[in-house]
Amino acid sequence: MSATTAVPPYNGFDQSLKASTKPVLDRHIIAQRICSGELLFIYQSLVINASAWSSKHPGGVLAILHFVGRDATDEVEAYHSTEAIARLRKYAIGRVEYDDEIGWAALTPPIALGLIRHPNGVKGDWKREGAVRLAGGVDDGPGGIVKLRAEELEPMPSELDLRMERRRSKAYHGLKTKLSKAGLFEWPGPLIGYGKDLARYFVLGGLAFGLFFL
């Protein structure tokens, strides 16, 4: 598949992805880059590199670490503004081939294996977080340094129905699209909700204050 071949868009997503010229990154390359310490996650079939800004993420770096190697599209769409998503797209380094039936089969984030970056700052060096031994098959080297291999990020067999999860995700985005078109995500103005009550009490208070002095 060439670097300019279109990726089937996720239902309800920005159709401009059809014209994306970002290179296609295969699963093994993405896993290797994660093992080297890059914080990569998937958004709308784009591979986003959060390494440069994860420490400044308003939701905290932990939220990023738990989505490394995973498809964070639903969470990004649910909790971020249009402006924030536009900034996010600028950190796309490539894209993946989406299976429209199951989406992106998640890799295992290193933090889910009980691993964090080693404080020595060396690229690709990890250490265990406390006494956590979730990455049981990963050997510790000298000084407690752990070296991850791409295949160790592949998930264990699971009974999770990926097709069902994909259908639920599509249904969520379809509902959000309808709500957006209905204008329910737009700010209705300062006098909506408690605003009207506050304005009424302010007027009544002013009248009572005036009548008291009269």
Protein backbone atom coordinates (compact mmCIF):
# COMPACT_ATOMS: atom_id res chain seq x y z
CA MET A 1 0.00 0.00 0.00
CA SER A 2 1.46 3.35 -1.01
CA ALA A 3 1.85 6.30 1.36
CA THR A 4 -0.92 8.22 -0.43
CA THR A 5 -3.52 5.45 -0.53
CA ALA A 6 -6.70 6.53 1.22
CA VAL A 7 -7.66 4.98 4.54
CA PRO A 8 -11.39 4.20 4.95
CA PRO A 9 -12.76 6.95 7.20
CA TYR A 10 -14.41 6.16 10.51
CA ASN A 11 -18.14 6.86 10.29
CA GLY A 12 -18.86 10.42 11.34
CA PHE A 13 -15.21 11.48 11.18
CA ASP A 14 -13.59 14.24 9.21
CA GLN A 15 -13.69 13.12 5.59
CA SER A 16 -10.49 15.07 4.85
CA LEU A 17 -8.65 11.98 6.07
CA LYS A 18 -9.27 10.52 2.62
CA ALA A 19 -6.73 12.97 1.22
CA SER A 20 -4.16 12.39 3.94
CA THR A 21 -0.59 12.22 2.70
CA LYS A 22 0.80 10.97 6.00
CA PRO A 23 2.84 7.78 5.60
CA VAL A 24 1.27 4.50 6.62
CA LEU A 25 3.04 3.07 9.68
CA ASP A 26 2.76 -0.66 10.21
CA ARG A 27 1.99 -2.15 13.58
CA HIS A 28 5.51 -3.41 14.25
CA ILE A 29 7.08 0.01 13.58
CA ILE A 30 4.61 1.69 15.94
CA ALA A 31 5.37 -0.89 18.64
CA GLN A 32 9.13 -0.40 18.16
CA ARG A 33 8.82 3.35 18.52
CA ILE A 34 6.78 2.94 21.69
CA CYS A 35 9.44 0.59 23.06
CA SER A 36 12.02 3.29 22.40
CA GLY A 37 10.02 5.66 24.61
CA GLU A 38 7.73 7.57 22.22
CA LEU A 39 4.19 8.23 23.41
CA LEU A 40 2.12 7.26 20.37
CA PHE A 41 -1.64 6.79 20.22
CA ILE A 42 -4.25 6.58 17.48
CA TYR A 43 -6.79 9.26 16.68
CA GLN A 44 -9.06 8.87 13.64
CA SER A 45 -6.50 6.51 12.05
CA LEU A 46 -3.76 9.13 12.58
CA VAL A 47 -0.74 8.24 14.69
CA ILE A 48 -0.26 11.05 17.21
CA ASN A 49 3.09 11.59 18.94
CA ALA A 50 2.40 13.10 22.38
CA SER A 51 6.03 12.93 23.58
CA ALA A 52 6.62 16.69 23.31
CA TRP A 53 3.54 17.85 25.22
CA SER A 54 2.38 15.01 27.47
CA SER A 55 3.75 16.70 30.60
CA LYS A 56 1.64 19.78 29.80
CA HIS A 57 -1.57 17.86 29.13
CA PRO A 58 -4.38 19.47 31.21
CA GLY A 59 -5.71 16.02 32.04
CA GLY A 60 -2.31 14.90 33.33
CA VAL A 61 0.37 12.73 31.78
CA LEU A 62 -1.20 9.55 33.21
CA ALA A 63 -4.16 9.92 30.86
CA ILE A 64 -1.73 9.86 27.92
CA LEU A 65 0.33 6.95 29.26
CA HIS A 66 -2.72 4.70 29.51
CA PHE A 67 -3.58 5.26 25.83
CA VAL A 68 -0.13 4.67 24.36
CA GLY A 69 -0.58 2.16 21.55
CA ARG A 70 -4.34 2.38 21.76
CA ASP A 71 -7.12 4.10 19.82
CA ALA A 72 -8.04 7.19 21.86
CA THR A 73 -10.54 8.57 19.33
CA ASP A 74 -13.63 8.22 21.51
CA GLU A 75 -11.94 9.83 24.52
CA VAL A 76 -10.43 12.67 22.48
CA GLU A 77 -13.79 13.43 20.88
CA ALA A 78 -15.61 13.28 24.22
CA TYR A 79 -13.32 15.49 26.31
CA HIS A 80 -11.64 17.94 23.94
CA SER A 81 -12.79 21.06 22.13
CA THR A 82 -12.63 21.53 18.38
CA GLU A 83 -9.68 23.88 18.86
CA ALA A 84 -7.77 21.34 20.99
CA ILE A 85 -8.37 18.60 18.42
CA ALA A 86 -7.08 20.88 15.65
CA ARG A 87 -3.86 21.37 17.64
CA LEU A 88 -3.66 17.63 18.28
CA ARG A 89 -3.69 16.85 14.55
CA LYS A 90 -0.49 18.85 14.10
CA TYR A 91 1.38 16.11 15.98
CA ALA A 92 0.37 13.36 13.54
CA ILE A 93 3.44 11.48 12.31
CA GLY A 94 1.63 8.94 10.17
CA ARG A 95 -1.51 6.86 9.91
CA VAL A 96 -2.60 3.26 10.26
CA GLU A 97 -4.72 0.98 8.14
CA TYR A 98 -8.08 0.72 9.87
CA ASP A 99 -10.15 -2.43 9.74
CA ASP A 100 -13.65 -0.99 9.51
CA GLU A 101 -15.09 -4.01 11.33
CA ILE A 102 -12.82 -3.98 14.38
CA GLY A 103 -10.93 -0.68 14.18
CA TRP A 104 -7.38 -0.60 15.57
CA ALA A 105 -6.40 -3.63 17.65
CA ALA A 106 -4.80 -2.01 20.68
CA LEU A 107 -1.21 -2.54 21.70
CA THR A 108 -0.46 -2.83 25.41
CA PRO A 109 0.77 0.47 26.94
CA PRO A 110 4.06 -0.03 28.83
CA ILE A 111 2.44 1.43 31.95
CA ALA A 112 -0.12 -1.39 31.80
CA LEU A 113 2.84 -3.77 32.08
CA GLY A 114 3.98 -1.97 35.22
CA LEU A 115 6.82 -0.16 33.41
CA ILE A 116 7.82 3.51 33.40
CA ARG A 117 10.68 5.33 31.70
CA HIS A 118 14.00 4.88 33.45
CA PRO A 119 15.28 8.08 35.10
CA ASN A 120 18.64 7.69 33.33
CA GLY A 121 17.01 9.27 30.27
CA VAL A 122 18.47 6.69 27.87
CA LYS A 123 16.24 5.98 24.89
CA GLY A 124 14.53 2.63 25.27
CA ASP A 125 15.36 2.13 28.96
CA TRP A 126 12.45 1.24 31.25
CA LYS A 127 12.12 0.23 34.87
CA ARG A 128 9.47 -1.51 36.92
CA GLU A 129 7.12 0.72 38.88
CA GLY A 130 7.63 -0.39 42.46
CA ALA A 131 7.15 -4.11 42.92
CA VAL A 132 4.71 -4.46 40.03
CA ARG A 133 5.48 -7.59 37.98
CA LEU A 134 2.83 -7.42 35.27
CA ALA A 135 5.48 -7.66 32.56
CA GLY A 136 6.39 -11.11 33.82
CA GLY A 137 8.03 -12.22 30.60
CA VAL A 138 10.28 -9.16 30.41
CA ASP A 139 13.71 -9.60 31.96
CA ASP A 140 15.44 -7.02 34.13
CA GLY A 141 18.95 -6.08 33.07
CA PRO A 142 21.82 -4.55 35.07
CA GLY A 143 20.67 -1.69 37.31
CA GLY A 144 17.06 -2.76 36.98
CA ILE A 145 16.93 -1.58 33.35
CA VAL A 146 14.19 -3.24 31.30
CA LYS A 147 14.37 -3.45 27.52
CA LEU A 148 11.04 -3.90 25.77
CA ARG A 149 10.59 -5.69 22.45
CA ALA A 150 7.80 -4.86 20.00
CA GLU A 151 6.18 -8.29 20.32
CA GLU A 152 5.84 -7.82 24.08
CA LEU A 153 3.31 -5.05 23.46
CA GLU A 154 0.93 -7.40 21.70
CA PRO A 155 -2.11 -8.00 23.92
CA MET A 156 -2.92 -11.31 25.54
CA PRO A 157 -5.87 -13.28 24.11
CA SER A 158 -9.14 -11.78 25.29
CA GLU A 159 -12.84 -12.57 25.12
CA LEU A 160 -13.60 -8.93 24.29
CA ASP A 161 -15.73 -8.73 21.14
CA LEU A 162 -13.90 -6.12 19.04
CA ARG A 163 -16.67 -5.98 16.46
CA MET A 164 -19.24 -5.20 19.13
CA GLU A 165 -16.96 -2.53 20.62
CA ARG A 166 -16.55 -1.04 17.14
CA ARG A 167 -20.32 -0.89 16.64
CA ARG A 168 -20.74 0.83 20.00
CA SER A 169 -18.08 3.36 19.12
CA LYS A 170 -19.75 4.12 15.80
CA ALA A 171 -23.11 4.50 17.54
CA TYR A 172 -21.56 6.96 19.98
CA HIS A 173 -20.10 9.09 17.19
CA GLY A 174 -23.37 8.95 15.28
CA LEU A 175 -25.23 10.24 18.34
CA LYS A 176 -22.67 12.97 18.94
CA THR A 177 -22.98 14.10 15.32
CA LYS A 178 -26.75 14.45 15.72
CA LEU A 179 -26.36 16.39 18.97
CA SER A 180 -23.78 18.68 17.37
CA LYS A 181 -26.06 19.40 14.40
CA ALA A 182 -28.86 20.21 16.84
CA GLY A 183 -26.61 22.82 18.45
CA LEU A 184 -26.62 21.14 21.85
CA PHE A 185 -22.87 21.56 22.27
CA GLU A 186 -23.00 25.32 21.67
CA TRP A 187 -22.83 27.76 24.58
CA PRO A 188 -26.38 29.12 24.97
CA GLY A 189 -25.35 32.40 26.58
CA PRO A 190 -24.84 33.86 30.06
CA LEU A 191 -28.53 34.04 31.04
CA ILE A 192 -29.31 30.37 30.52
CA GLY A 193 -29.88 28.15 33.56
CA TYR A 194 -29.12 29.97 36.82
CA GLY A 195 -28.39 33.18 34.93
CA LYS A 196 -32.06 34.08 34.58
CA ASP A 197 -32.71 33.39 38.26
CA LEU A 198 -29.75 35.53 39.32
CA ALA A 199 -30.92 38.38 37.10
CA ARG A 200 -34.45 38.14 38.55
CA TYR A 201 -33.19 38.13 42.15
CA PHE A 202 -30.91 41.06 41.39
CA VAL A 203 -33.84 43.11 40.05
CA LEU A 204 -36.10 42.14 42.96
CA GLY A 205 -33.32 42.94 45.43
CA GLY A 206 -32.81 46.32 43.81
CA LEU A 207 -36.53 47.10 44.03
CA ALA A 208 -36.66 46.04 47.68
CA PHE A 209 -33.60 48.17 48.43
CA GLY A 210 -35.21 51.19 46.71
CA LEU A 211 -38.56 50.75 48.45
CA PHE A 212 -36.81 50.48 51.83
CA PHE A 213 -35.27 53.93 51.44
CA LEU A 214 -38.45 55.45 49.99
